[in-house]
């Protein structure tokens, strides 16, 4: 890394940049991972960017904390969901306890159990939102070395998904 202005910049020959890591599914190539928290209709509420080798569950609590307050009824605005549906990658008792302390009911499939828990009935909404986001090639293939630029494009993609959902519902 080389100092460039107020932040460190990757050197000219450095591959990948920050927020990348060896992907466990792509022969160890450097890659990034998008983490999303969506509502029941697939609208992105919070998102983060990490290296490809980061465990999904490490981003669960930061995603919950990143959800903005929801305006609506008179009174204190809602900030947290009633329940959270997730796949086996998020099955850790420590995080289940933290969710319950926040007043969120965890609906997380248990590891090392047979498939058919029924969570796929709700989980497909998140996968559909990932498909909407990855229609933007700049998010599907990471060209940017700087993570702040890629995260900005991720935020832009989430805004476009929200806009398209709104436009189609009218």
N, C-alpha and C. Protein backbone atom coordinates (compact mmCIF):
# COMPACT_ATOMS: atom_id res chain seq x y z
N UNK A 1 0.84 -1.18 0.00
CA UNK A 1 0.00 0.00 0.00
C UNK A 1 0.88 1.24 0.00
N UNK A 2 0.42 2.24 -0.68
CA UNK A 2 1.15 3.49 -0.79
C UNK A 2 0.23 4.61 -0.33
N UNK A 3 0.79 5.56 0.45
CA UNK A 3 -0.01 6.69 0.89
C UNK A 3 -0.35 7.54 -0.32
N UNK A 4 -1.64 7.87 -0.45
CA UNK A 4 -2.06 8.71 -1.57
C UNK A 4 -3.10 9.68 -1.06
N UNK A 5 -2.71 10.90 -0.78
CA UNK A 5 -3.68 11.84 -0.22
C UNK A 5 -3.94 11.49 1.23
N UNK A 6 -5.21 11.36 1.57
CA UNK A 6 -5.57 11.07 2.95
C UNK A 6 -5.74 9.58 3.22
N UNK A 7 -5.65 8.75 2.22
CA UNK A 7 -5.85 7.31 2.44
C UNK A 7 -4.80 6.52 1.67
N UNK A 8 -4.74 5.24 1.97
CA UNK A 8 -3.79 4.37 1.28
C UNK A 8 -4.40 3.88 -0.01
N UNK A 9 -3.61 3.90 -1.06
CA UNK A 9 -4.04 3.45 -2.38
C UNK A 9 -3.29 2.16 -2.72
N UNK A 10 -3.92 1.25 -3.48
CA UNK A 10 -3.18 0.07 -3.91
C UNK A 10 -2.07 0.47 -4.88
N UNK A 11 -0.99 -0.24 -4.85
CA UNK A 11 0.09 0.02 -5.80
C UNK A 11 -0.38 -0.38 -7.19
N UNK A 12 0.35 0.07 -8.19
CA UNK A 12 -0.07 -0.17 -9.56
C UNK A 12 -0.15 -1.66 -9.88
N UNK A 13 0.74 -2.47 -9.34
CA UNK A 13 0.74 -3.88 -9.65
C UNK A 13 -0.06 -4.74 -8.70
N UNK A 14 -0.65 -4.15 -7.67
CA UNK A 14 -1.36 -4.94 -6.66
C UNK A 14 -2.72 -5.38 -7.19
N UNK A 15 -3.02 -6.64 -7.07
CA UNK A 15 -4.29 -7.18 -7.57
C UNK A 15 -5.35 -7.13 -6.48
N UNK A 16 -6.59 -6.96 -6.87
CA UNK A 16 -7.71 -7.09 -5.96
C UNK A 16 -8.04 -5.87 -5.15
N UNK A 17 -7.14 -5.39 -4.33
CA UNK A 17 -7.44 -4.27 -3.46
C UNK A 17 -7.98 -4.75 -2.13
N UNK A 18 -8.46 -3.81 -1.32
CA UNK A 18 -9.00 -4.15 0.01
C UNK A 18 -10.38 -4.77 -0.13
N UNK A 19 -10.86 -5.37 0.95
CA UNK A 19 -12.16 -6.06 1.01
C UNK A 19 -12.24 -7.17 -0.02
N UNK A 20 -11.11 -7.84 -0.26
CA UNK A 20 -11.10 -9.04 -1.08
C UNK A 20 -10.42 -10.13 -0.27
N UNK A 21 -10.67 -11.34 -0.66
CA UNK A 21 -10.04 -12.47 0.00
C UNK A 21 -10.17 -13.69 -0.87
N UNK A 22 -9.41 -14.73 -0.60
CA UNK A 22 -9.50 -15.93 -1.43
C UNK A 22 -10.87 -16.58 -1.31
N UNK A 23 -11.51 -16.75 -2.44
CA UNK A 23 -12.86 -17.32 -2.45
C UNK A 23 -12.79 -18.83 -2.21
N UNK A 24 -13.59 -19.35 -1.30
CA UNK A 24 -13.55 -20.80 -1.05
C UNK A 24 -14.20 -21.61 -2.17
N UNK A 25 -14.94 -20.97 -3.07
CA UNK A 25 -15.64 -21.70 -4.13
C UNK A 25 -15.06 -21.45 -5.51
N UNK A 26 -14.06 -20.57 -5.63
CA UNK A 26 -13.53 -20.23 -6.94
C UNK A 26 -12.02 -20.43 -6.98
N UNK A 27 -11.54 -21.58 -6.60
CA UNK A 27 -10.14 -21.97 -6.64
C UNK A 27 -9.20 -20.96 -6.00
N UNK A 28 -9.67 -20.32 -4.94
CA UNK A 28 -8.82 -19.42 -4.18
C UNK A 28 -8.57 -18.07 -4.81
N UNK A 29 -9.30 -17.74 -5.87
CA UNK A 29 -9.13 -16.42 -6.48
C UNK A 29 -9.67 -15.34 -5.54
N UNK A 30 -9.07 -14.18 -5.61
CA UNK A 30 -9.52 -13.09 -4.77
C UNK A 30 -10.90 -12.63 -5.22
N UNK A 31 -11.77 -12.39 -4.26
CA UNK A 31 -13.12 -11.96 -4.58
C UNK A 31 -13.77 -11.26 -3.41
N UNK A 32 -14.96 -10.73 -3.67
CA UNK A 32 -15.72 -10.02 -2.65
C UNK A 32 -17.05 -10.72 -2.44
N UNK A 33 -17.68 -10.39 -1.34
CA UNK A 33 -18.97 -10.97 -1.01
C UNK A 33 -19.92 -9.84 -0.64
N UNK A 34 -21.11 -9.88 -1.21
CA UNK A 34 -22.16 -8.93 -0.85
C UNK A 34 -23.04 -9.57 0.20
N UNK A 35 -23.34 -8.84 1.26
CA UNK A 35 -24.25 -9.30 2.30
C UNK A 35 -25.47 -8.39 2.28
N UNK A 36 -26.67 -8.98 2.25
CA UNK A 36 -27.90 -8.21 2.15
C UNK A 36 -28.87 -8.57 3.26
N UNK A 37 -29.61 -7.57 3.71
CA UNK A 37 -30.75 -7.77 4.58
C UNK A 37 -31.93 -7.16 3.85
N UNK A 38 -32.94 -7.98 3.53
CA UNK A 38 -34.09 -7.50 2.75
C UNK A 38 -35.37 -7.70 3.54
N UNK A 39 -36.42 -6.96 3.15
CA UNK A 39 -37.72 -7.17 3.77
C UNK A 39 -38.42 -8.33 3.07
N UNK A 40 -39.66 -8.59 3.42
CA UNK A 40 -40.38 -9.75 2.90
C UNK A 40 -40.66 -9.67 1.40
N UNK A 41 -40.57 -8.47 0.82
CA UNK A 41 -40.84 -8.33 -0.61
C UNK A 41 -39.55 -8.25 -1.43
N UNK A 42 -38.40 -8.24 -0.79
CA UNK A 42 -37.13 -8.22 -1.51
C UNK A 42 -36.49 -6.85 -1.61
N UNK A 43 -37.03 -5.86 -0.89
CA UNK A 43 -36.44 -4.52 -0.90
C UNK A 43 -35.21 -4.53 0.01
N UNK A 44 -34.03 -4.14 -0.48
CA UNK A 44 -32.83 -4.12 0.37
C UNK A 44 -32.94 -3.07 1.48
N UNK A 45 -32.72 -3.50 2.71
CA UNK A 45 -32.75 -2.60 3.86
C UNK A 45 -31.34 -2.22 4.31
N UNK A 46 -30.40 -3.16 4.20
CA UNK A 46 -29.02 -2.91 4.60
C UNK A 46 -28.11 -3.82 3.78
N UNK A 47 -26.88 -3.36 3.57
CA UNK A 47 -25.93 -4.14 2.78
C UNK A 47 -24.52 -3.84 3.24
N UNK A 48 -23.63 -4.82 3.07
CA UNK A 48 -22.22 -4.64 3.36
C UNK A 48 -21.40 -5.37 2.31
N UNK A 49 -20.12 -5.08 2.29
CA UNK A 49 -19.17 -5.69 1.36
C UNK A 49 -18.00 -6.22 2.18
N UNK A 50 -17.65 -7.49 1.98
CA UNK A 50 -16.49 -8.07 2.67
C UNK A 50 -15.69 -8.90 1.68
N UNK A 51 -14.56 -9.40 2.14
CA UNK A 51 -13.75 -10.30 1.33
C UNK A 51 -14.46 -11.63 1.12
N UNK A 52 -14.09 -12.33 0.07
CA UNK A 52 -14.74 -13.59 -0.27
C UNK A 52 -14.55 -14.68 0.76
N UNK A 53 -13.55 -14.56 1.62
CA UNK A 53 -13.28 -15.61 2.60
C UNK A 53 -13.91 -15.34 3.96
N UNK A 54 -14.65 -14.26 4.11
CA UNK A 54 -15.27 -13.94 5.40
C UNK A 54 -16.50 -14.81 5.63
N UNK A 55 -16.69 -15.22 6.86
CA UNK A 55 -17.87 -16.00 7.22
C UNK A 55 -19.10 -15.09 7.21
N UNK A 56 -20.22 -15.61 6.71
CA UNK A 56 -21.44 -14.80 6.59
C UNK A 56 -21.94 -14.29 7.93
N UNK A 57 -21.84 -15.12 8.96
CA UNK A 57 -22.45 -14.78 10.24
C UNK A 57 -21.78 -13.58 10.90
N UNK A 58 -20.56 -13.26 10.52
CA UNK A 58 -19.89 -12.11 11.11
C UNK A 58 -20.56 -10.80 10.72
N UNK A 59 -21.34 -10.80 9.66
CA UNK A 59 -22.01 -9.58 9.19
C UNK A 59 -23.46 -9.49 9.63
N UNK A 60 -23.95 -10.47 10.38
CA UNK A 60 -25.36 -10.49 10.77
C UNK A 60 -25.74 -9.31 11.66
N UNK A 61 -25.04 -9.12 12.75
CA UNK A 61 -25.36 -8.04 13.69
C UNK A 61 -25.10 -6.66 13.08
N UNK A 62 -23.97 -6.44 12.36
CA UNK A 62 -23.81 -5.13 11.71
C UNK A 62 -24.93 -4.82 10.71
N UNK A 63 -25.45 -5.83 10.02
CA UNK A 63 -26.56 -5.59 9.10
C UNK A 63 -27.83 -5.21 9.85
N UNK A 64 -28.10 -5.89 10.95
CA UNK A 64 -29.28 -5.57 11.76
C UNK A 64 -29.18 -4.14 12.29
N UNK A 65 -27.99 -3.77 12.74
CA UNK A 65 -27.79 -2.42 13.29
C UNK A 65 -27.85 -1.34 12.22
N UNK A 66 -27.61 -1.70 10.96
CA UNK A 66 -27.59 -0.72 9.87
C UNK A 66 -28.97 -0.39 9.32
N UNK A 67 -30.01 -1.11 9.76
CA UNK A 67 -31.36 -0.86 9.24
C UNK A 67 -31.82 0.51 9.74
N UNK A 68 -32.22 1.39 8.81
CA UNK A 68 -32.68 2.72 9.23
C UNK A 68 -34.08 2.65 9.84
N UNK A 69 -34.47 3.64 10.63
CA UNK A 69 -35.82 3.66 11.20
C UNK A 69 -36.87 3.74 10.11
N UNK A 70 -37.99 3.07 10.34
CA UNK A 70 -39.09 3.06 9.37
C UNK A 70 -40.14 4.05 9.83
N UNK A 71 -40.44 5.01 9.00
CA UNK A 71 -41.48 6.01 9.32
C UNK A 71 -42.85 5.40 9.06
N UNK A 72 -43.83 5.87 9.75
CA UNK A 72 -45.17 5.35 9.55
C UNK A 72 -46.10 5.83 10.63
N UNK A 73 -46.52 4.95 11.47
CA UNK A 73 -47.46 5.28 12.54
C UNK A 73 -46.88 6.30 13.51
N UNK A 74 -47.76 6.96 14.21
CA UNK A 74 -47.35 7.93 15.22
C UNK A 74 -46.65 7.19 16.36
N UNK A 75 -45.58 7.75 16.86
CA UNK A 75 -44.84 7.12 17.95
C UNK A 75 -43.41 6.87 17.54
N UNK A 76 -42.74 6.08 18.35
CA UNK A 76 -41.34 5.78 18.07
C UNK A 76 -41.24 4.93 16.80
N UNK A 77 -40.39 5.31 15.84
CA UNK A 77 -40.30 4.55 14.60
C UNK A 77 -39.68 3.17 14.83
N UNK A 78 -40.19 2.17 14.07
CA UNK A 78 -39.64 0.81 14.15
C UNK A 78 -38.26 0.79 13.53
N UNK A 79 -37.36 0.05 14.18
CA UNK A 79 -36.01 -0.06 13.66
C UNK A 79 -35.63 -1.50 13.39
N UNK A 80 -36.29 -2.44 14.04
CA UNK A 80 -35.90 -3.84 13.90
C UNK A 80 -37.07 -4.69 13.41
N UNK A 81 -36.74 -5.74 12.69
CA UNK A 81 -37.81 -6.65 12.24
C UNK A 81 -38.31 -7.52 13.39
N UNK A 82 -39.47 -8.12 13.20
CA UNK A 82 -40.01 -9.05 14.20
C UNK A 82 -39.27 -10.38 14.18
N UNK A 83 -38.92 -10.83 12.96
CA UNK A 83 -38.23 -12.11 12.83
C UNK A 83 -37.21 -12.03 11.72
N UNK A 84 -36.25 -12.94 11.75
CA UNK A 84 -35.18 -12.97 10.77
C UNK A 84 -35.07 -14.39 10.24
N UNK A 85 -35.20 -14.55 8.94
CA UNK A 85 -35.08 -15.85 8.29
C UNK A 85 -33.72 -15.91 7.61
N UNK A 86 -32.96 -16.97 7.87
CA UNK A 86 -31.62 -17.09 7.31
C UNK A 86 -31.30 -18.55 7.03
N UNK A 87 -30.25 -18.77 6.23
CA UNK A 87 -29.86 -20.14 5.91
C UNK A 87 -28.87 -20.68 6.94
N UNK A 88 -28.34 -21.87 6.67
CA UNK A 88 -27.48 -22.56 7.63
C UNK A 88 -26.19 -21.81 7.95
N UNK A 89 -25.75 -20.95 7.07
CA UNK A 89 -24.51 -20.20 7.30
C UNK A 89 -24.58 -19.29 8.51
N UNK A 90 -25.77 -19.01 8.98
CA UNK A 90 -25.96 -18.09 10.11
C UNK A 90 -26.30 -18.83 11.40
N UNK A 91 -26.16 -20.15 11.41
CA UNK A 91 -26.54 -20.95 12.57
C UNK A 91 -25.42 -20.98 13.61
N UNK A 92 -25.46 -20.05 14.54
CA UNK A 92 -24.55 -20.01 15.68
C UNK A 92 -25.37 -19.57 16.89
N UNK A 93 -25.24 -20.29 17.99
CA UNK A 93 -26.03 -19.98 19.18
C UNK A 93 -25.75 -18.58 19.72
N UNK A 94 -24.50 -18.13 19.62
CA UNK A 94 -24.14 -16.80 20.11
C UNK A 94 -24.97 -15.73 19.39
N UNK A 95 -25.12 -15.85 18.07
CA UNK A 95 -25.86 -14.86 17.30
C UNK A 95 -27.37 -15.01 17.48
N UNK A 96 -27.82 -16.24 17.70
CA UNK A 96 -29.24 -16.44 18.02
C UNK A 96 -29.60 -15.70 19.32
N UNK A 97 -28.71 -15.81 20.32
CA UNK A 97 -28.94 -15.11 21.58
C UNK A 97 -28.96 -13.60 21.38
N UNK A 98 -28.02 -13.09 20.59
CA UNK A 98 -27.97 -11.65 20.35
C UNK A 98 -29.23 -11.17 19.62
N UNK A 99 -29.75 -11.97 18.72
CA UNK A 99 -30.99 -11.59 18.04
C UNK A 99 -32.16 -11.56 19.02
N UNK A 100 -32.23 -12.57 19.89
CA UNK A 100 -33.32 -12.59 20.88
C UNK A 100 -33.24 -11.41 21.84
N UNK A 101 -32.01 -11.01 22.21
CA UNK A 101 -31.84 -9.85 23.09
C UNK A 101 -32.34 -8.58 22.43
N UNK A 102 -32.29 -8.53 21.11
CA UNK A 102 -32.78 -7.37 20.37
C UNK A 102 -34.28 -7.47 20.09
N UNK A 103 -34.92 -8.53 20.52
CA UNK A 103 -36.36 -8.70 20.31
C UNK A 103 -36.70 -9.25 18.94
N UNK A 104 -35.77 -9.95 18.31
CA UNK A 104 -35.97 -10.53 16.99
C UNK A 104 -36.01 -12.04 17.12
N UNK A 105 -37.05 -12.65 16.54
CA UNK A 105 -37.17 -14.11 16.58
C UNK A 105 -36.35 -14.71 15.44
N UNK A 106 -35.29 -15.49 15.75
CA UNK A 106 -34.48 -16.08 14.67
C UNK A 106 -35.14 -17.32 14.09
N UNK A 107 -35.26 -17.37 12.78
CA UNK A 107 -35.73 -18.55 12.05
C UNK A 107 -34.58 -18.99 11.16
N UNK A 108 -33.66 -19.73 11.74
CA UNK A 108 -32.42 -20.10 11.06
C UNK A 108 -32.35 -21.62 11.01
N UNK A 109 -32.07 -22.15 9.82
CA UNK A 109 -31.93 -23.60 9.66
C UNK A 109 -30.73 -24.09 10.47
N UNK A 110 -30.86 -25.24 11.07
CA UNK A 110 -29.76 -25.82 11.86
C UNK A 110 -28.78 -26.52 10.93
N UNK A 111 -27.49 -26.38 11.29
CA UNK A 111 -26.46 -27.08 10.53
C UNK A 111 -26.56 -28.58 10.79
N UNK A 112 -26.11 -29.34 9.83
CA UNK A 112 -26.05 -30.80 9.91
C UNK A 112 -27.41 -31.43 10.20
N UNK A 113 -28.44 -30.83 9.62
CA UNK A 113 -29.76 -31.45 9.61
C UNK A 113 -30.15 -31.63 8.16
N UNK A 114 -31.11 -32.48 7.93
CA UNK A 114 -31.54 -32.73 6.55
C UNK A 114 -32.20 -31.49 5.98
N UNK A 115 -32.11 -31.37 4.66
CA UNK A 115 -32.78 -30.26 3.99
C UNK A 115 -34.28 -30.50 4.06
N UNK A 116 -35.05 -29.47 3.82
CA UNK A 116 -36.49 -29.60 3.90
C UNK A 116 -37.04 -28.92 5.14
N UNK A 117 -36.30 -27.94 5.66
CA UNK A 117 -36.76 -27.22 6.85
C UNK A 117 -37.93 -26.30 6.52
N UNK A 118 -38.15 -26.04 5.22
CA UNK A 118 -39.24 -25.16 4.82
C UNK A 118 -38.84 -23.70 4.71
N UNK A 119 -37.59 -23.36 5.06
CA UNK A 119 -37.15 -21.97 5.00
C UNK A 119 -36.94 -21.49 3.57
N UNK A 120 -36.77 -22.42 2.63
CA UNK A 120 -36.62 -22.03 1.23
C UNK A 120 -37.84 -21.31 0.70
N UNK A 121 -38.96 -21.53 1.34
CA UNK A 121 -40.20 -20.86 0.97
C UNK A 121 -40.08 -19.35 1.15
N UNK A 122 -39.22 -18.91 2.06
CA UNK A 122 -39.01 -17.49 2.31
C UNK A 122 -37.64 -17.02 1.82
N UNK A 123 -36.68 -17.91 1.80
CA UNK A 123 -35.30 -17.58 1.48
C UNK A 123 -35.13 -17.16 0.02
N UNK A 124 -35.98 -17.61 -0.87
CA UNK A 124 -35.84 -17.30 -2.29
C UNK A 124 -35.94 -15.80 -2.55
N UNK A 125 -36.59 -15.05 -1.66
CA UNK A 125 -36.74 -13.60 -1.83
C UNK A 125 -35.36 -12.94 -1.83
N UNK A 126 -34.48 -13.38 -0.94
CA UNK A 126 -33.13 -12.82 -0.87
C UNK A 126 -32.35 -13.19 -2.13
N UNK A 127 -32.47 -14.43 -2.57
CA UNK A 127 -31.76 -14.87 -3.77
C UNK A 127 -32.25 -14.10 -5.00
N UNK A 128 -33.53 -13.81 -5.06
CA UNK A 128 -34.06 -13.01 -6.17
C UNK A 128 -33.47 -11.60 -6.15
N UNK A 129 -33.33 -11.01 -4.96
CA UNK A 129 -32.74 -9.68 -4.86
C UNK A 129 -31.28 -9.70 -5.30
N UNK A 130 -30.54 -10.76 -4.93
CA UNK A 130 -29.17 -10.90 -5.42
C UNK A 130 -29.16 -10.98 -6.95
N UNK A 131 -30.10 -11.69 -7.53
CA UNK A 131 -30.17 -11.79 -8.99
C UNK A 131 -30.45 -10.42 -9.61
N UNK A 132 -31.33 -9.64 -8.99
CA UNK A 132 -31.60 -8.28 -9.49
C UNK A 132 -30.34 -7.44 -9.42
N UNK A 133 -29.60 -7.53 -8.32
CA UNK A 133 -28.38 -6.74 -8.16
C UNK A 133 -27.30 -7.17 -9.14
N UNK A 134 -27.20 -8.47 -9.37
CA UNK A 134 -26.12 -8.96 -10.22
C UNK A 134 -26.44 -8.86 -11.70
N UNK A 135 -27.58 -8.24 -12.03
CA UNK A 135 -27.82 -7.88 -13.43
C UNK A 135 -26.90 -6.73 -13.82
N UNK A 136 -26.46 -5.98 -12.83
CA UNK A 136 -25.49 -4.92 -13.08
C UNK A 136 -24.11 -5.56 -13.08
N UNK A 137 -23.49 -5.60 -14.25
CA UNK A 137 -22.24 -6.35 -14.39
C UNK A 137 -21.14 -5.82 -13.48
N UNK A 138 -21.20 -4.54 -13.18
CA UNK A 138 -20.17 -3.95 -12.32
C UNK A 138 -20.25 -4.52 -10.90
N UNK A 139 -21.40 -5.01 -10.49
CA UNK A 139 -21.54 -5.65 -9.19
C UNK A 139 -21.24 -7.14 -9.27
N UNK A 140 -21.56 -7.74 -10.41
CA UNK A 140 -21.32 -9.17 -10.57
C UNK A 140 -19.82 -9.46 -10.65
N UNK A 141 -19.11 -8.67 -11.44
CA UNK A 141 -17.67 -8.80 -11.58
C UNK A 141 -17.05 -7.54 -10.99
N UNK A 142 -16.21 -7.70 -10.00
CA UNK A 142 -15.64 -6.52 -9.35
C UNK A 142 -14.42 -6.04 -10.12
N UNK A 143 -14.55 -4.84 -10.68
CA UNK A 143 -13.46 -4.23 -11.42
C UNK A 143 -12.69 -3.23 -10.55
N UNK A 144 -13.30 -2.72 -9.51
CA UNK A 144 -12.73 -1.65 -8.70
C UNK A 144 -11.78 -2.20 -7.65
N UNK A 145 -10.65 -1.57 -7.51
CA UNK A 145 -9.71 -1.98 -6.48
C UNK A 145 -10.08 -1.40 -5.13
N UNK A 146 -10.64 -0.22 -5.14
CA UNK A 146 -11.00 0.44 -3.88
C UNK A 146 -12.37 -0.03 -3.41
N UNK A 147 -12.46 -0.50 -2.17
CA UNK A 147 -13.74 -1.03 -1.68
C UNK A 147 -14.81 0.05 -1.53
N UNK A 148 -14.42 1.30 -1.26
CA UNK A 148 -15.44 2.33 -1.09
C UNK A 148 -16.16 2.61 -2.40
N UNK A 149 -15.46 2.51 -3.52
CA UNK A 149 -16.11 2.71 -4.82
C UNK A 149 -17.06 1.55 -5.10
N UNK A 150 -16.62 0.33 -4.85
CA UNK A 150 -17.49 -0.83 -5.11
C UNK A 150 -18.71 -0.80 -4.19
N UNK A 151 -18.51 -0.40 -2.94
CA UNK A 151 -19.64 -0.31 -2.02
C UNK A 151 -20.61 0.80 -2.44
N UNK A 152 -20.09 1.86 -3.02
CA UNK A 152 -20.97 2.92 -3.54
C UNK A 152 -21.81 2.39 -4.69
N UNK A 153 -21.21 1.60 -5.57
CA UNK A 153 -21.99 1.01 -6.66
C UNK A 153 -23.00 0.00 -6.14
N UNK A 154 -22.66 -0.70 -5.06
CA UNK A 154 -23.61 -1.61 -4.42
C UNK A 154 -24.80 -0.83 -3.87
N UNK A 155 -24.54 0.30 -3.24
CA UNK A 155 -25.62 1.15 -2.74
C UNK A 155 -26.48 1.68 -3.89
N UNK A 156 -25.83 2.09 -4.98
CA UNK A 156 -26.57 2.55 -6.15
C UNK A 156 -27.45 1.44 -6.72
N UNK A 157 -26.90 0.24 -6.78
CA UNK A 157 -27.68 -0.90 -7.27
C UNK A 157 -28.89 -1.17 -6.38
N UNK A 158 -28.72 -1.07 -5.06
CA UNK A 158 -29.85 -1.26 -4.15
C UNK A 158 -30.90 -0.18 -4.35
N UNK A 159 -30.46 1.06 -4.59
CA UNK A 159 -31.40 2.15 -4.86
C UNK A 159 -32.17 1.89 -6.15
N UNK A 160 -31.50 1.39 -7.17
CA UNK A 160 -32.17 1.10 -8.43
C UNK A 160 -33.17 -0.05 -8.28
N UNK A 161 -32.83 -1.05 -7.48
CA UNK A 161 -33.78 -2.14 -7.22
C UNK A 161 -35.03 -1.58 -6.54
N UNK A 162 -34.84 -0.71 -5.54
CA UNK A 162 -35.99 -0.10 -4.86
C UNK A 162 -36.82 0.73 -5.83
N UNK A 163 -36.17 1.52 -6.66
CA UNK A 163 -36.88 2.36 -7.63
C UNK A 163 -37.69 1.51 -8.61
N UNK A 164 -37.10 0.45 -9.12
CA UNK A 164 -37.81 -0.41 -10.07
C UNK A 164 -39.00 -1.11 -9.43
N UNK A 165 -38.83 -1.52 -8.17
CA UNK A 165 -39.96 -2.15 -7.46
C UNK A 165 -41.09 -1.14 -7.27
N UNK A 166 -40.74 0.08 -6.92
CA UNK A 166 -41.75 1.13 -6.74
C UNK A 166 -42.45 1.46 -8.07
N UNK A 167 -41.67 1.60 -9.12
CA UNK A 167 -42.22 1.93 -10.43
C UNK A 167 -43.17 0.84 -10.92
N UNK A 168 -42.82 -0.43 -10.71
CA UNK A 168 -43.65 -1.53 -11.17
C UNK A 168 -44.90 -1.72 -10.33
N UNK A 169 -44.89 -1.23 -9.10
CA UNK A 169 -46.07 -1.42 -8.23
C UNK A 169 -47.12 -0.36 -8.47
N UNK A 170 -46.78 0.72 -9.18
CA UNK A 170 -47.75 1.78 -9.43
C UNK A 170 -48.62 1.50 -10.60
